C-alpha atoms as a PDB file:
ATOM      1  CA  UNK A   1      57.165  79.975 105.521  1.00  0.00           C
ATOM      2  CA  UNK A   2      57.995  78.472 102.103  1.00  0.00           C
ATOM      3  CA  UNK A   3      58.024  82.008 100.667  1.00  0.00           C
ATOM      4  CA  UNK A   4      60.620  83.123 103.229  1.00  0.00           C
ATOM      5  CA  UNK A   5      62.826  80.053 102.591  1.00  0.00           C
ATOM      6  CA  UNK A   6      62.507  80.530  98.828  1.00  0.00           C
ATOM      7  CA  UNK A   7      63.315  84.235  99.108  1.00  0.00           C
ATOM      8  CA  UNK A   8      66.302  83.494 101.338  1.00  0.00           C
ATOM      9  CA  UNK A   9      67.582  80.918  98.830  1.00  0.00           C
ATOM     10  CA  UNK A  10      67.235  83.393  95.950  1.00  0.00           C
ATOM     11  CA  UNK A  11      69.040  86.057  97.984  1.00  0.00           C
ATOM     12  CA  UNK A  12      71.899  83.647  98.746  1.00  0.00           C
ATOM     13  CA  UNK A  13      72.191  82.722  95.048  1.00  0.00           C
ATOM     14  CA  UNK A  14      72.285  86.402  94.059  1.00  0.00           C
ATOM     15  CA  UNK A  15      75.019  87.107  96.614  1.00  0.00           C
ATOM     16  CA  UNK A  16      77.067  84.124  95.396  1.00  0.00           C
ATOM     17  CA  UNK A  17      76.745  85.207  91.761  1.00  0.00           C
ATOM     18  CA  UNK A  18      77.737  88.786  92.632  1.00  0.00           C
ATOM     19  CA  UNK A  19      80.735  87.514  94.551  1.00  0.00           C
ATOM     20  CA  UNK A  20      81.798  85.289  91.641  1.00  0.00           C
ATOM     21  CA  UNK A  21      81.464  88.226  89.241  1.00  0.00           C
ATOM     22  CA  UNK A  22      83.479  90.487  91.550  1.00  0.00           C
ATOM     23  CA  UNK A  23      86.312  87.956  91.616  1.00  0.00           C
ATOM     24  CA  UNK A  24      86.641  88.388  87.876  1.00  0.00           C
ATOM     25  CA  UNK A  25      86.587  86.090  84.947  1.00  0.00           C
ATOM     26  CA  UNK A  26      89.931  84.559  84.080  1.00  0.00           C
ATOM     27  CA  UNK A  27      91.443  86.046  80.924  1.00  0.00           C
ATOM     28  CA  UNK A  28      93.440  84.368  78.210  1.00  0.00           C
ATOM     29  CA  UNK A  29      97.153  85.221  78.190  1.00  0.00           C
ATOM     30  CA  UNK A  30      98.308  87.717  75.605  1.00  0.00           C
ATOM     31  CA  UNK A  31      99.787  86.245  72.429  1.00  0.00           C
ATOM     32  CA  UNK A  32     103.229  87.182  71.133  1.00  0.00           C
ATOM     33  CA  UNK A  33     102.005  86.709  67.539  1.00  0.00           C
ATOM     34  CA  UNK A  34      99.170  89.198  68.094  1.00  0.00           C
ATOM     35  CA  UNK A  35     101.662  91.716  69.516  1.00  0.00           C
ATOM     36  CA  UNK A  36     103.898  91.236  66.459  1.00  0.00           C
ATOM     37  CA  UNK A  37     100.962  91.507  64.052  1.00  0.00           C
ATOM     38  CA  UNK A  38      99.566  94.703  65.592  1.00  0.00           C
ATOM     39  CA  UNK A  39     102.938  96.419  65.746  1.00  0.00           C
ATOM     40  CA  UNK A  40     103.977  95.355  62.250  1.00  0.00           C
ATOM     41  CA  UNK A  41     100.606  96.488  60.822  1.00  0.00           C
ATOM     42  CA  UNK A  42     101.397  99.945  62.229  1.00  0.00           C
ATOM     43  CA  UNK A  43     104.790  99.856  60.531  1.00  0.00           C
ATOM     44  CA  UNK A  44     106.927  99.524  63.672  1.00  0.00           C
ATOM     45  CA  UNK A  45     110.184  97.645  63.945  1.00  0.00           C
ATOM     46  CA  UNK A  46     110.101  95.068  66.726  1.00  0.00           C
ATOM     47  CA  UNK A  47     113.300  94.686  68.738  1.00  0.00           C
ATOM     48  CA  UNK A  48     114.212  91.497  70.591  1.00  0.00           C
ATOM     49  CA  UNK A  49     115.260  92.864  73.972  1.00  0.00           C
ATOM     50  CA  UNK A  50     116.937  89.609  75.047  1.00  0.00           C
ATOM     51  CA  UNK A  51     118.522  88.074  71.936  1.00  0.00           C
ATOM     52  CA  UNK A  52     119.178  84.420  72.564  1.00  0.00           C
ATOM     53  CA  UNK A  53     116.632  84.239  75.390  1.00  0.00           C
ATOM     54  CA  UNK A  54     116.915  84.434  79.148  1.00  0.00           C
ATOM     55  CA  UNK A  55     116.387  82.230  82.183  1.00  0.00           C
ATOM     56  CA  UNK A  56     113.199  84.087  83.088  1.00  0.00           C
ATOM     57  CA  UNK A  57     111.455  84.721  79.732  1.00  0.00           C
ATOM     58  CA  UNK A  58     110.592  83.116  76.418  1.00  0.00           C
ATOM     59  CA  UNK A  59     110.018  86.470  74.711  1.00  0.00           C
ATOM     60  CA  UNK A  60     110.867  90.052  75.600  1.00  0.00           C
ATOM     61  CA  UNK A  61     110.026  92.240  72.622  1.00  0.00           C
ATOM     62  CA  UNK A  62     109.957  95.999  72.324  1.00  0.00           C
ATOM     63  CA  UNK A  63     108.816  98.816  70.078  1.00  0.00           C
ATOM     64  CA  UNK A  64     110.592 102.071  70.850  1.00  0.00           C
ATOM     65  CA  UNK A  65     109.783 105.421  69.224  1.00  0.00           C
ATOM     66  CA  UNK A  66     110.407 109.035  70.164  1.00  0.00           C
ATOM     67  CA  UNK A  67     106.962 109.275  71.784  1.00  0.00           C
ATOM     68  CA  UNK A  68     106.175 105.839  73.227  1.00  0.00           C
ATOM     69  CA  UNK A  69     107.593 102.465  74.204  1.00  0.00           C
ATOM     70  CA  UNK A  70     105.871  99.079  74.186  1.00  0.00           C
ATOM     71  CA  UNK A  71     107.424  96.030  75.852  1.00  0.00           C
ATOM     72  CA  UNK A  72     105.818  92.600  75.595  1.00  0.00           C
ATOM     73  CA  UNK A  73     107.077  89.736  77.727  1.00  0.00           C
ATOM     74  CA  UNK A  74     106.155  86.095  77.897  1.00  0.00           C
ATOM     75  CA  UNK A  75     107.734  84.872  81.098  1.00  0.00           C
ATOM     76  CA  UNK A  76     108.556  81.272  81.946  1.00  0.00           C
ATOM     77  CA  UNK A  77     106.375  81.343  85.084  1.00  0.00           C
ATOM     78  CA  UNK A  78     103.484  83.324  86.494  1.00  0.00           C
ATOM     79  CA  UNK A  79     105.723  84.223  89.447  1.00  0.00           C
ATOM     80  CA  UNK A  80     108.247  85.898  87.116  1.00  0.00           C
ATOM     81  CA  UNK A  81     105.439  87.841  85.424  1.00  0.00           C
ATOM     82  CA  UNK A  82     103.949  88.872  88.773  1.00  0.00           C
ATOM     83  CA  UNK A  83     107.340  90.075  90.022  1.00  0.00           C
ATOM     84  CA  UNK A  84     107.903  92.020  86.796  1.00  0.00           C
ATOM     85  CA  UNK A  85     104.421  93.564  87.060  1.00  0.00           C
ATOM     86  CA  UNK A  86     105.004  94.632  90.667  1.00  0.00           C
ATOM     87  CA  UNK A  87     108.417  96.082  89.843  1.00  0.00           C
ATOM     88  CA  UNK A  88     107.080  98.031  86.879  1.00  0.00           C
ATOM     89  CA  UNK A  89     104.127  99.290  88.910  1.00  0.00           C
ATOM     90  CA  UNK A  90     106.470 100.550  91.654  1.00  0.00           C
ATOM     91  CA  UNK A  91     108.591 102.298  89.025  1.00  0.00           C
ATOM     92  CA  UNK A  92     105.524 103.999  87.558  1.00  0.00           C
ATOM     93  CA  UNK A  93     104.306 105.092  90.987  1.00  0.00           C
ATOM     94  CA  UNK A  94     107.763 106.379  91.967  1.00  0.00           C
ATOM     95  CA  UNK A  95     107.874 108.537  88.835  1.00  0.00           C
ATOM     96  CA  UNK A  96     104.576 110.285  89.546  1.00  0.00           C
ATOM     97  CA  UNK A  97     104.405 114.051  89.605  1.00  0.00           C
ATOM     98  CA  UNK A  98     102.463 116.262  91.970  1.00  0.00           C
ATOM     99  CA  UNK A  99      99.165 115.309  90.311  1.00  0.00           C
ATOM    100  CA  UNK A 100      98.111 112.050  88.748  1.00  0.00           C
ATOM    101  CA  UNK A 101      95.201 109.964  87.623  1.00  0.00           C
ATOM    102  CA  UNK A 102      95.469 106.229  87.925  1.00  0.00           C
ATOM    103  CA  UNK A 103      93.548 102.982  87.631  1.00  0.00           C
ATOM    104  CA  UNK A 104      94.411  99.738  89.376  1.00  0.00           C
ATOM    105  CA  UNK A 105      92.733  96.346  88.956  1.00  0.00           C
ATOM    106  CA  UNK A 106      93.688  92.930  90.259  1.00  0.00           C
ATOM    107  CA  UNK A 107      91.241  90.112  89.508  1.00  0.00           C
ATOM    108  CA  UNK A 108      91.427  86.371  88.884  1.00  0.00           C
ATOM    109  CA  UNK A 109      94.561  85.823  86.769  1.00  0.00           C
ATOM    110  CA  UNK A 110      95.223  89.384  85.619  1.00  0.00           C
ATOM    111  CA  UNK A 111      96.398  92.731  86.978  1.00  0.00           C
ATOM    112  CA  UNK A 112      96.399  96.232  85.519  1.00  0.00           C
ATOM    113  CA  UNK A 113      97.974  99.495  86.594  1.00  0.00           C
ATOM    114  CA  UNK A 114      97.670 102.667  84.567  1.00  0.00           C
ATOM    115  CA  UNK A 115      98.762 106.201  85.443  1.00  0.00           C
ATOM    116  CA  UNK A 116      98.923 109.602  83.797  1.00  0.00           C
ATOM    117  CA  UNK A 117     101.201 112.078  85.541  1.00  0.00           C
ATOM    118  CA  UNK A 118     103.598 114.826  84.532  1.00  0.00           C
ATOM    119  CA  UNK A 119     102.717 114.489  80.842  1.00  0.00           C
ATOM    120  CA  UNK A 120     103.454 110.736  80.823  1.00  0.00           C
ATOM    121  CA  UNK A 121     100.953 107.907  80.329  1.00  0.00           C
ATOM    122  CA  UNK A 122     102.117 104.563  81.753  1.00  0.00           C
ATOM    123  CA  UNK A 123     100.360 101.214  81.537  1.00  0.00           C
ATOM    124  CA  UNK A 124     101.317  97.740  82.737  1.00  0.00           C
ATOM    125  CA  UNK A 125      99.068  94.708  82.289  1.00  0.00           C
ATOM    126  CA  UNK A 126      99.675  91.086  83.297  1.00  0.00           C
ATOM    127  CA  UNK A 127      97.692  87.983  82.380  1.00  0.00           C
ATOM    128  CA  UNK A 128      99.110  84.743  83.749  1.00  0.00           C
ATOM    129  CA  UNK A 129     102.718  84.659  82.513  1.00  0.00           C
ATOM    130  CA  UNK A 130     102.397  87.454  79.922  1.00  0.00           C
ATOM    131  CA  UNK A 131     102.988  91.140  80.522  1.00  0.00           C
ATOM    132  CA  UNK A 132     102.607  94.346  78.506  1.00  0.00           C
ATOM    133  CA  UNK A 133     104.307  97.579  79.555  1.00  0.00           C
ATOM    134  CA  UNK A 134     103.661 100.893  77.804  1.00  0.00           C
ATOM    135  CA  UNK A 135     105.085 104.356  78.434  1.00  0.00           C
ATOM    136  CA  UNK A 136     104.024 107.274  76.249  1.00  0.00           C
ATOM    137  CA  UNK A 137     103.751 111.027  76.049  1.00  0.00           C
ATOM    138  CA  UNK A 138     100.236 111.688  77.324  1.00  0.00           C
ATOM    139  CA  UNK A 139      99.411 113.427  74.013  1.00  0.00           C
ATOM    140  CA  UNK A 140      99.532 109.933  72.438  1.00  0.00           C
ATOM    141  CA  UNK A 141      97.434 108.237  75.138  1.00  0.00           C
ATOM    142  CA  UNK A 142      94.342 107.632  72.973  1.00  0.00           C
ATOM    143  CA  UNK A 143      96.361 106.166  70.100  1.00  0.00           C
ATOM    144  CA  UNK A 144      98.366 103.983  72.488  1.00  0.00           C
ATOM    145  CA  UNK A 145      95.171 102.746  74.177  1.00  0.00           C
ATOM    146  CA  UNK A 146      93.794 101.729  70.761  1.00  0.00           C
ATOM    147  CA  UNK A 147      96.921  99.637  70.182  1.00  0.00           C
ATOM    148  CA  UNK A 148      96.647  98.130  73.671  1.00  0.00           C
ATOM    149  CA  UNK A 149      93.025  97.151  72.988  1.00  0.00           C
ATOM    150  CA  UNK A 150      94.092  95.418  69.774  1.00  0.00           C
ATOM    151  CA  UNK A 151      96.834  93.476  71.583  1.00  0.00           C
ATOM    152  CA  UNK A 152      94.740  92.321  74.548  1.00  0.00           C
ATOM    153  CA  UNK A 153      92.660  89.137  74.138  1.00  0.00           C
END
């Protein structure tokens, strides 16, 4: 009988740990200084998209080239960042072509949506009140992903 109770307890602990893992580990918000550093190290000019600030964001910075666009935002609240994420995701989905590949994740304090369709790679990632949006020619997807990995905590 003790064996059955012990086995049941171990099974319950395994289920709880799997559930906790599935819920995701909270991530650290992205850092505006890391975004600046990565982009400047690649030789890009960073544009302040809202000079003088805005009611909804502390930072809204962009890097715009002929082949890709990066936008980094540090919003004043998580709600603003969540709304921006959802809006950007809808825009990406609405622009899809007849075929697409996509990835969607929503765990703990972060969300990710990524899509390749019609020769365009799009990526939007939110952690707490920070958000990163990327749109690129799909030929540059691997390079853009390397930059994304360097920006993310």
